[in-house]
Amino acid sequence: MNNINNKIKKLRESKNLSQERFGKKLGLSGKTISSYETGRCIPPLYILDKISSVYKAEMFEANEDTKNKIKQAMNQLQELIKSLEIMFLSD
């Protein structure tokens, strides 16, 4: 089990939540949480960010500069996705 998988499991257990209830607050299934905890799947950065926001927990250790760069990159990706949706999904 890698560090992220272990952190997710420990966070969930510290909140006394089942995988199903933990995932529900994130819009995920219990099976998805299980796959993250066991290492079958690696959670994408936006899920780690969501876990951090919803549960007020730090999911990865990085200095402030690195965190800011990650947030900037995520914002840029979200803007790109919005632009592509407008381009391809507009009538």
PDB file of N, CA and C in Angstrom:
ATOM      1  N   MET A   1       0.862  -1.184   0.000  1.00  0.00           N
ATOM      2  CA  MET A   1       0.000   0.000   0.000  1.00  0.00           C
ATOM      3  C   MET A   1       0.900   1.237   0.000  1.00  0.00           C
ATOM      4  N   ASN A   2       0.650   2.141  -0.947  1.00  0.00           N
ATOM      5  CA  ASN A   2       1.485   3.340  -0.983  1.00  0.00           C
ATOM      6  C   ASN A   2       0.977   4.392  -0.007  1.00  0.00           C
ATOM      7  N   ASN A   3       1.681   5.476   0.069  1.00  0.00           N
ATOM      8  CA  ASN A   3       1.392   6.527   1.042  1.00  0.00           C
ATOM      9  C   ASN A   3      -0.012   7.109   0.876  1.00  0.00           C
ATOM     10  N   ILE A   4      -0.418   7.415  -0.361  1.00  0.00           N
ATOM     11  CA  ILE A   4      -1.743   8.000  -0.600  1.00  0.00           C
ATOM     12  C   ILE A   4      -2.837   7.014  -0.211  1.00  0.00           C
ATOM     13  N   ASN A   5      -2.673   5.760  -0.620  1.00  0.00           N
ATOM     14  CA  ASN A   5      -3.678   4.751  -0.282  1.00  0.00           C
ATOM     15  C   ASN A   5      -3.845   4.650   1.228  1.00  0.00           C
ATOM     16  N   ASN A   6      -2.724   4.622   1.927  1.00  0.00           N
ATOM     17  CA  ASN A   6      -2.742   4.521   3.379  1.00  0.00           C
ATOM     18  C   ASN A   6      -3.384   5.752   4.011  1.00  0.00           C
ATOM     19  N   LYS A   7      -3.086   6.933   3.479  1.00  0.00           N
ATOM     20  CA  LYS A   7      -3.672   8.167   4.022  1.00  0.00           C
ATOM     21  C   LYS A   7      -5.186   8.175   3.858  1.00  0.00           C
ATOM     22  N   ILE A   8      -5.660   7.729   2.707  1.00  0.00           N
ATOM     23  CA  ILE A   8      -7.109   7.693   2.482  1.00  0.00           C
ATOM     24  C   ILE A   8      -7.766   6.759   3.488  1.00  0.00           C
ATOM     25  N   LYS A   9      -7.192   5.581   3.649  1.00  0.00           N
ATOM     26  CA  LYS A   9      -7.768   4.605   4.584  1.00  0.00           C
ATOM     27  C   LYS A   9      -7.735   5.131   6.020  1.00  0.00           C
ATOM     28  N   LYS A  10      -6.606   5.684   6.440  1.00  0.00           N
ATOM     29  CA  LYS A  10      -6.498   6.203   7.811  1.00  0.00           C
ATOM     30  C   LYS A  10      -7.458   7.364   8.045  1.00  0.00           C
ATOM     31  N   LEU A  11      -7.597   8.238   7.053  1.00  0.00           N
ATOM     32  CA  LEU A  11      -8.528   9.358   7.177  1.00  0.00           C
ATOM     33  C   LEU A  11      -9.952   8.841   7.333  1.00  0.00           C
ATOM     34  N   ARG A  12     -10.333   7.901   6.475  1.00  0.00           N
ATOM     35  CA  ARG A  12     -11.692   7.339   6.544  1.00  0.00           C
ATOM     36  C   ARG A  12     -11.938   6.683   7.898  1.00  0.00           C
ATOM     37  N   GLU A  13     -10.975   5.894   8.353  1.00  0.00           N
ATOM     38  CA  GLU A  13     -11.119   5.219   9.646  1.00  0.00           C
ATOM     39  C   GLU A  13     -11.161   6.221  10.796  1.00  0.00           C
ATOM     40  N   SER A  14     -10.399   7.298  10.701  1.00  0.00           N
ATOM     41  CA  SER A  14     -10.402   8.309  11.771  1.00  0.00           C
ATOM     42  C   SER A  14     -11.755   9.009  11.877  1.00  0.00           C
ATOM     43  N   LYS A  15     -12.496   9.030  10.781  1.00  0.00           N
ATOM     44  CA  LYS A  15     -13.834   9.638  10.766  1.00  0.00           C
ATOM     45  C   LYS A  15     -14.919   8.608  11.088  1.00  0.00           C
ATOM     46  N   ASN A  16     -14.490   7.365  11.336  1.00  0.00           N
ATOM     47  CA  ASN A  16     -15.415   6.257  11.619  1.00  0.00           C
ATOM     48  C   ASN A  16     -16.475   6.105  10.534  1.00  0.00           C
ATOM     49  N   LEU A  17     -16.021   6.159   9.284  1.00  0.00           N
ATOM     50  CA  LEU A  17     -16.938   6.037   8.154  1.00  0.00           C
ATOM     51  C   LEU A  17     -16.663   4.757   7.377  1.00  0.00           C
ATOM     52  N   SER A  18     -17.722   4.175   6.865  1.00  0.00           N
ATOM     53  CA  SER A  18     -17.558   3.054   5.942  1.00  0.00           C
ATOM     54  C   SER A  18     -17.031   3.608   4.623  1.00  0.00           C
ATOM     55  N   GLN A  19     -16.545   2.732   3.782  1.00  0.00           N
ATOM     56  CA  GLN A  19     -16.083   3.176   2.470  1.00  0.00           C
ATOM     57  C   GLN A  19     -17.236   3.815   1.697  1.00  0.00           C
ATOM     58  N   GLU A  20     -18.419   3.257   1.836  1.00  0.00           N
ATOM     59  CA  GLU A  20     -19.602   3.776   1.143  1.00  0.00           C
ATOM     60  C   GLU A  20     -19.926   5.204   1.587  1.00  0.00           C
ATOM     61  N   ARG A  21     -19.964   5.437   2.896  1.00  0.00           N
ATOM     62  CA  ARG A  21     -20.303   6.777   3.413  1.00  0.00           C
ATOM     63  C   ARG A  21     -19.201   7.791   3.113  1.00  0.00           C
ATOM     64  N   PHE A  22     -17.957   7.349   3.212  1.00  0.00           N
ATOM     65  CA  PHE A  22     -16.827   8.222   2.892  1.00  0.00           C
ATOM     66  C   PHE A  22     -16.922   8.664   1.432  1.00  0.00           C
ATOM     67  N   GLY A  23     -17.168   7.710   0.556  1.00  0.00           N
ATOM     68  CA  GLY A  23     -17.265   8.002  -0.869  1.00  0.00           C
ATOM     69  C   GLY A  23     -18.465   8.849  -1.228  1.00  0.00           C
ATOM     70  N   LYS A  24     -19.579   8.631  -0.538  1.00  0.00           N
ATOM     71  CA  LYS A  24     -20.811   9.356  -0.861  1.00  0.00           C
ATOM     72  C   LYS A  24     -20.613  10.866  -0.761  1.00  0.00           C
ATOM     73  N   LYS A  25     -19.877  11.311   0.259  1.00  0.00           N
ATOM     74  CA  LYS A  25     -19.616  12.749   0.422  1.00  0.00           C
ATOM     75  C   LYS A  25     -18.766  13.305  -0.716  1.00  0.00           C
ATOM     76  N   LEU A  26     -18.088  12.417  -1.421  1.00  0.00           N
ATOM     77  CA  LEU A  26     -17.216  12.828  -2.520  1.00  0.00           C
ATOM     78  C   LEU A  26     -17.854  12.583  -3.884  1.00  0.00           C
ATOM     79  N   GLY A  27     -19.040  11.978  -3.869  1.00  0.00           N
ATOM     80  CA  GLY A  27     -19.686  11.625  -5.132  1.00  0.00           C
ATOM     81  C   GLY A  27     -19.092  10.373  -5.747  1.00  0.00           C
ATOM     82  N   LEU A  28     -18.517   9.518  -4.896  1.00  0.00           N
ATOM     83  CA  LEU A  28     -17.880   8.282  -5.350  1.00  0.00           C
ATOM     84  C   LEU A  28     -18.531   7.080  -4.680  1.00  0.00           C
ATOM     85  N   SER A  29     -18.361   5.928  -5.265  1.00  0.00           N
ATOM     86  CA  SER A  29     -18.907   4.707  -4.666  1.00  0.00           C
ATOM     87  C   SER A  29     -17.934   4.139  -3.634  1.00  0.00           C
ATOM     88  N   GLY A  30     -18.461   3.264  -2.793  1.00  0.00           N
ATOM     89  CA  GLY A  30     -17.616   2.566  -1.831  1.00  0.00           C
ATOM     90  C   GLY A  30     -16.582   1.697  -2.534  1.00  0.00           C
ATOM     91  N   LYS A  31     -16.957   1.134  -3.686  1.00  0.00           N
ATOM     92  CA  LYS A  31     -16.019   0.305  -4.455  1.00  0.00           C
ATOM     93  C   LYS A  31     -14.838   1.134  -4.950  1.00  0.00           C
ATOM     94  N   THR A  32     -15.115   2.365  -5.332  1.00  0.00           N
ATOM     95  CA  THR A  32     -14.032   3.243  -5.786  1.00  0.00           C
ATOM     96  C   THR A  32     -13.083   3.541  -4.633  1.00  0.00           C
ATOM     97  N   ILE A  33     -13.641   3.840  -3.465  1.00  0.00           N
ATOM     98  CA  ILE A  33     -12.800   4.101  -2.284  1.00  0.00           C
ATOM     99  C   ILE A  33     -11.976   2.864  -1.959  1.00  0.00           C
ATOM    100  N   SER A  34     -12.597   1.703  -2.028  1.00  0.00           N
ATOM    101  CA  SER A  34     -11.880   0.455  -1.781  1.00  0.00           C
ATOM    102  C   SER A  34     -10.718   0.291  -2.759  1.00  0.00           C
ATOM    103  N   SER A  35     -10.962   0.603  -4.025  1.00  0.00           N
ATOM    104  CA  SER A  35      -9.895   0.452  -5.023  1.00  0.00           C
ATOM    105  C   SER A  35      -8.746   1.424  -4.766  1.00  0.00           C
ATOM    106  N   TYR A  36      -9.059   2.607  -4.232  1.00  0.00           N
ATOM    107  CA  TYR A  36      -7.997   3.549  -3.867  1.00  0.00           C
ATOM    108  C   TYR A  36      -7.216   3.032  -2.659  1.00  0.00           C
ATOM    109  N   GLU A  37      -7.937   2.545  -1.665  1.00  0.00           N
ATOM    110  CA  GLU A  37      -7.283   2.083  -0.429  1.00  0.00           C
ATOM    111  C   GLU A  37      -6.403   0.863  -0.657  1.00  0.00           C
ATOM    112  N   THR A  38      -6.808  -0.016  -1.562  1.00  0.00           N
ATOM    113  CA  THR A  38      -6.036  -1.239  -1.803  1.00  0.00           C
ATOM    114  C   THR A  38      -4.962  -1.065  -2.865  1.00  0.00           C
ATOM    115  N   GLY A  39      -4.981   0.077  -3.545  1.00  0.00           N
ATOM    116  CA  GLY A  39      -3.976   0.328  -4.565  1.00  0.00           C
ATOM    117  C   GLY A  39      -4.324  -0.209  -5.935  1.00  0.00           C
ATOM    118  N   ARG A  40      -5.539  -0.718  -6.111  1.00  0.00           N
ATOM    119  CA  ARG A  40      -5.951  -1.179  -7.441  1.00  0.00           C
ATOM    120  C   ARG A  40      -6.049  -0.008  -8.415  1.00  0.00           C
ATOM    121  N   CYS A  41      -6.394   1.159  -7.890  1.00  0.00           N
ATOM    122  CA  CYS A  41      -6.479   2.389  -8.693  1.00  0.00           C
ATOM    123  C   CYS A  41      -5.780   3.512  -7.942  1.00  0.00           C
ATOM    124  N   ILE A  42      -5.260   4.432  -8.691  1.00  0.00           N
ATOM    125  CA  ILE A  42      -4.636   5.614  -8.099  1.00  0.00           C
ATOM    126  C   ILE A  42      -5.606   6.778  -8.276  1.00  0.00           C
ATOM    127  N   PRO A  43      -5.967   7.443  -7.185  1.00  0.00           N
ATOM    128  CA  PRO A  43      -6.910   8.559  -7.325  1.00  0.00           C
ATOM    129  C   PRO A  43      -6.289   9.715  -8.101  1.00  0.00           C
ATOM    130  N   PRO A  44      -7.057  10.289  -9.032  1.00  0.00           N
ATOM    131  CA  PRO A  44      -6.541  11.456  -9.753  1.00  0.00           C
ATOM    132  C   PRO A  44      -6.399  12.657  -8.820  1.00  0.00           C
ATOM    133  N   LEU A  45      -5.625  13.626  -9.246  1.00  0.00           N
ATOM    134  CA  LEU A  45      -5.369  14.802  -8.409  1.00  0.00           C
ATOM    135  C   LEU A  45      -6.640  15.528  -8.006  1.00  0.00           C
ATOM    136  N   TYR A  46      -7.622  15.601  -8.912  1.00  0.00           N
ATOM    137  CA  TYR A  46      -8.838  16.325  -8.547  1.00  0.00           C
ATOM    138  C   TYR A  46      -9.603  15.610  -7.436  1.00  0.00           C
ATOM    139  N   ILE A  47      -9.487  14.293  -7.352  1.00  0.00           N
ATOM    140  CA  ILE A  47     -10.122  13.551  -6.252  1.00  0.00           C
ATOM    141  C   ILE A  47      -9.363  13.820  -4.957  1.00  0.00           C
ATOM    142  N   LEU A  48      -8.047  13.823  -5.012  1.00  0.00           N
ATOM    143  CA  LEU A  48      -7.261  14.131  -3.809  1.00  0.00           C
ATOM    144  C   LEU A  48      -7.580  15.536  -3.317  1.00  0.00           C
ATOM    145  N   ASP A  49      -7.745  16.461  -4.247  1.00  0.00           N
ATOM    146  CA  ASP A  49      -8.111  17.832  -3.882  1.00  0.00           C
ATOM    147  C   ASP A  49      -9.497  17.859  -3.240  1.00  0.00           C
ATOM    148  N   LYS A  50     -10.412  17.076  -3.787  1.00  0.00           N
ATOM    149  CA  LYS A  50     -11.773  17.020  -3.241  1.00  0.00           C
ATOM    150  C   LYS A  50     -11.764  16.413  -1.836  1.00  0.00           C
ATOM    151  N   ILE A  51     -10.993  15.350  -1.641  1.00  0.00           N
ATOM    152  CA  ILE A  51     -10.870  14.738  -0.312  1.00  0.00           C
ATOM    153  C   ILE A  51     -10.325  15.771   0.668  1.00  0.00           C
ATOM    154  N   SER A  52      -9.295  16.501   0.252  1.00  0.00           N
ATOM    155  CA  SER A  52      -8.706  17.536   1.112  1.00  0.00           C
ATOM    156  C   SER A  52      -9.731  18.584   1.500  1.00  0.00           C
ATOM    157  N   SER A  53     -10.529  19.015   0.532  1.00  0.00           N
ATOM    158  CA  SER A  53     -11.536  20.057   0.788  1.00  0.00           C
ATOM    159  C   SER A  53     -12.668  19.556   1.666  1.00  0.00           C
ATOM    160  N   VAL A  54     -13.226  18.411   1.315  1.00  0.00           N
ATOM    161  CA  VAL A  54     -14.391  17.891   2.036  1.00  0.00           C
ATOM    162  C   VAL A  54     -14.033  17.484   3.455  1.00  0.00           C
ATOM    163  N   TYR A  55     -12.900  16.810   3.623  1.00  0.00           N
ATOM    164  CA  TYR A  55     -12.534  16.279   4.934  1.00  0.00           C
ATOM    165  C   TYR A  55     -11.481  17.114   5.657  1.00  0.00           C
ATOM    166  N   LYS A  56     -11.110  18.260   5.091  1.00  0.00           N
ATOM    167  CA  LYS A  56     -10.132  19.163   5.716  1.00  0.00           C
ATOM    168  C   LYS A  56      -8.865  18.410   6.117  1.00  0.00           C
ATOM    169  N   ALA A  57      -8.298  17.693   5.147  1.00  0.00           N
ATOM    170  CA  ALA A  57      -7.113  16.882   5.406  1.00  0.00           C
ATOM    171  C   ALA A  57      -6.101  17.078   4.283  1.00  0.00           C
ATOM    172  N   GLU A  58      -4.847  17.079   4.629  1.00  0.00           N
ATOM    173  CA  GLU A  58      -3.776  17.196   3.644  1.00  0.00           C
ATOM    174  C   GLU A  58      -3.509  15.810   3.071  1.00  0.00           C
ATOM    175  N   MET A  59      -3.679  15.655   1.762  1.00  0.00           N
ATOM    176  CA  MET A  59      -3.513  14.341   1.152  1.00  0.00           C
ATOM    177  C   MET A  59      -2.113  14.106   0.594  1.00  0.00           C
ATOM    178  N   PHE A  60      -1.401  15.154   0.297  1.00  0.00           N
ATOM    179  CA  PHE A  60      -0.031  14.976  -0.160  1.00  0.00           C
ATOM    180  C   PHE A  60       0.813  16.100   0.406  1.00  0.00           C
ATOM    181  N   GLU A  61       2.041  15.749   0.695  1.00  0.00           N
ATOM    182  CA  GLU A  61       2.940  16.726   1.285  1.00  0.00           C
ATOM    183  C   GLU A  61       3.714  17.434   0.178  1.00  0.00           C
ATOM    184  N   ALA A  62       3.629  18.724   0.198  1.00  0.00           N
ATOM    185  CA  ALA A  62       4.365  19.536  -0.770  1.00  0.00           C
ATOM    186  C   ALA A  62       4.521  20.928  -0.174  1.00  0.00           C
ATOM    187  N   ASN A  63       5.548  21.604  -0.598  1.00  0.00           N
ATOM    188  CA  ASN A  63       5.709  22.967  -0.101  1.00  0.00           C
ATOM    189  C   ASN A  63       4.662  23.865  -0.764  1.00  0.00           C
ATOM    190  N   GLU A  64       4.513  25.062  -0.259  1.00  0.00           N
ATOM    191  CA  GLU A  64       3.466  25.969  -0.750  1.00  0.00           C
ATOM    192  C   GLU A  64       3.629  26.290  -2.230  1.00  0.00           C
ATOM    193  N   ASP A  65       4.857  26.448  -2.671  1.00  0.00           N
ATOM    194  CA  ASP A  65       5.101  26.754  -4.079  1.00  0.00           C
ATOM    195  C   ASP A  65       4.590  25.622  -4.971  1.00  0.00           C
ATOM    196  N   THR A  66       4.896  24.395  -4.591  1.00  0.00           N
ATOM    197  CA  THR A  66       4.437  23.239  -5.364  1.00  0.00           C
ATOM    198  C   THR A  66       2.919  23.143  -5.340  1.00  0.00           C
ATOM    199  N   LYS A  67       2.317  23.361  -4.173  1.00  0.00           N
ATOM    200  CA  LYS A  67       0.857  23.319  -4.072  1.00  0.00           C
ATOM    201  C   LYS A  67       0.221  24.372  -4.970  1.00  0.00           C
ATOM    202  N   ASN A  68       0.787  25.566  -4.977  1.00  0.00           N
ATOM    203  CA  ASN A  68       0.252  26.636  -5.822  1.00  0.00           C
ATOM    204  C   ASN A  68       0.375  26.295  -7.303  1.00  0.00           C
ATOM    205  N   LYS A  69       1.496  25.696  -7.690  1.00  0.00           N
ATOM    206  CA  LYS A  69       1.679  25.294  -9.086  1.00  0.00           C
ATOM    207  C   LYS A  69       0.665  24.225  -9.479  1.00  0.00           C
ATOM    208  N   ILE A  70       0.418  23.294  -8.591  1.00  0.00           N
ATOM    209  CA  ILE A  70      -0.565  22.241  -8.861  1.00  0.00           C
ATOM    210  C   ILE A  70      -1.955  22.847  -9.014  1.00  0.00           C
ATOM    211  N   LYS A  71      -2.317  23.743  -8.110  1.00  0.00           N
ATOM    212  CA  LYS A  71      -3.632  24.390  -8.194  1.00  0.00           C
ATOM    213  C   LYS A  71      -3.766  25.193  -9.479  1.00  0.00           C
ATOM    214  N   GLN A  72      -2.703  25.896  -9.858  1.00  0.00           N
ATOM    215  CA  GLN A  72      -2.720  26.661 -11.107  1.00  0.00           C
ATOM    216  C   GLN A  72      -2.932  25.741 -12.299  1.00  0.00           C
ATOM    217  N   ALA A  73      -2.201  24.638 -12.312  1.00  0.00           N
ATOM    218  CA  ALA A  73      -2.327  23.686 -13.418  1.00  0.00           C
ATOM    219  C   ALA A  73      -3.733  23.101 -13.472  1.00  0.00           C
ATOM    220  N   MET A  74      -4.295  22.785 -12.316  1.00  0.00           N
ATOM    221  CA  MET A  74      -5.654  22.239 -12.276  1.00  0.00           C
ATOM    222  C   MET A  74      -6.658  23.271 -12.781  1.00  0.00           C
ATOM    223  N   ASN A  75      -6.490  24.523 -12.396  1.00  0.00           N
ATOM    224  CA  ASN A  75      -7.384  25.581 -12.875  1.00  0.00           C
ATOM    225  C   ASN A  75      -7.273  25.748 -14.385  1.00  0.00           C
ATOM    226  N   GLN A  76      -6.051  25.685 -14.900  1.00  0.00           N
ATOM    227  CA  GLN A  76      -5.855  25.801 -16.346  1.00  0.00           C
ATOM    228  C   GLN A  76      -6.520  24.637 -17.076  1.00  0.00           C
ATOM    229  N   LEU A  77      -6.395  23.442 -16.521  1.00  0.00           N
ATOM    230  CA  LEU A  77      -7.043  22.279 -17.130  1.00  0.00           C
ATOM    231  C   LEU A  77      -8.557  22.416 -17.111  1.00  0.00           C
ATOM    232  N   GLN A  78      -9.102  22.903 -16.011  1.00  0.00           N
ATOM    233  CA  GLN A  78     -10.551  23.094 -15.929  1.00  0.00           C
ATOM    234  C   GLN A  78     -11.021  24.108 -16.961  1.00  0.00           C
ATOM    235  N   GLU A  79     -10.269  25.179 -17.154  1.00  0.00           N
ATOM    236  CA  GLU A  79     -10.624  26.178 -18.167  1.00  0.00           C
ATOM    237  C   GLU A  79     -10.551  25.580 -19.569  1.00  0.00           C
ATOM    238  N   LEU A  80      -9.538  24.764 -19.809  1.00  0.00           N
ATOM    239  CA  LEU A  80      -9.402  24.107 -21.104  1.00  0.00           C
ATOM    240  C   LEU A  80     -10.577  23.171 -21.358  1.00  0.00           C
ATOM    241  N   ILE A  81     -10.948  22.415 -20.348  1.00  0.00           N
ATOM    242  CA  ILE A  81     -12.087  21.502 -20.475  1.00  0.00           C
ATOM    243  C   ILE A  81     -13.357  22.285 -20.784  1.00  0.00           C
ATOM    244  N   LYS A  82     -13.568  23.387 -20.080  1.00  0.00           N
ATOM    245  CA  LYS A  82     -14.748  24.220 -20.344  1.00  0.00           C
ATOM    246  C   LYS A  82     -14.746  24.721 -21.785  1.00  0.00           C
ATOM    247  N   SER A  83     -13.589  25.173 -22.253  1.00  0.00           N
ATOM    248  CA  SER A  83     -13.481  25.666 -23.626  1.00  0.00           C
ATOM    249  C   SER A  83     -13.789  24.567 -24.634  1.00  0.00           C
ATOM    250  N   LEU A  84     -13.269  23.370 -24.376  1.00  0.00           N
ATOM    251  CA  LEU A  84     -13.523  22.250 -25.279  1.00  0.00           C
ATOM    252  C   LEU A  84     -14.990  21.845 -25.262  1.00  0.00           C
ATOM    253  N   GLU A  85     -15.608  21.880 -24.086  1.00  0.00           N
ATOM    254  CA  GLU A  85     -17.035  21.559 -24.000  1.00  0.00           C
ATOM    255  C   GLU A  85     -17.848  22.552 -24.817  1.00  0.00           C
ATOM    256  N   ILE A  86     -17.518  23.821 -24.695  1.00  0.00           N
ATOM    257  CA  ILE A  86     -18.232  24.852 -25.462  1.00  0.00           C
ATOM    258  C   ILE A  86     -18.026  24.620 -26.961  1.00  0.00           C
ATOM    259  N   MET A  87     -16.792  24.320 -27.335  1.00  0.00           N
ATOM    260  CA  MET A  87     -16.462  24.142 -28.738  1.00  0.00           C
ATOM    261  C   MET A  87     -17.181  22.936 -29.350  1.00  0.00           C
ATOM    262  N   PHE A  88     -17.204  21.822 -28.625  1.00  0.00           N
ATOM    263  CA  PHE A  88     -17.733  20.589 -29.191  1.00  0.00           C
ATOM    264  C   PHE A  88     -19.181  20.291 -28.833  1.00  0.00           C
ATOM    265  N   LEU A  89     -19.685  20.898 -27.775  1.00  0.00           N
ATOM    266  CA  LEU A  89     -21.042  20.571 -27.342  1.00  0.00           C
ATOM    267  C   LEU A  89     -22.055  21.664 -27.627  1.00  0.00           C
ATOM    268  N   SER A  90     -21.595  22.790 -28.132  1.00  0.00           N
ATOM    269  CA  SER A  90     -22.552  23.863 -28.420  1.00  0.00           C
ATOM    270  C   SER A  90     -23.275  23.559 -29.726  1.00  0.00           C
ATOM    271  N   ASP A  91     -24.477  24.064 -29.804  1.00  0.00           N
ATOM    272  CA  ASP A  91     -25.314  23.804 -30.992  1.00  0.00           C
ATOM    273  C   ASP A  91     -24.853  24.562 -32.182  1.00  0.00           C
TER     274      ASP A  91
END
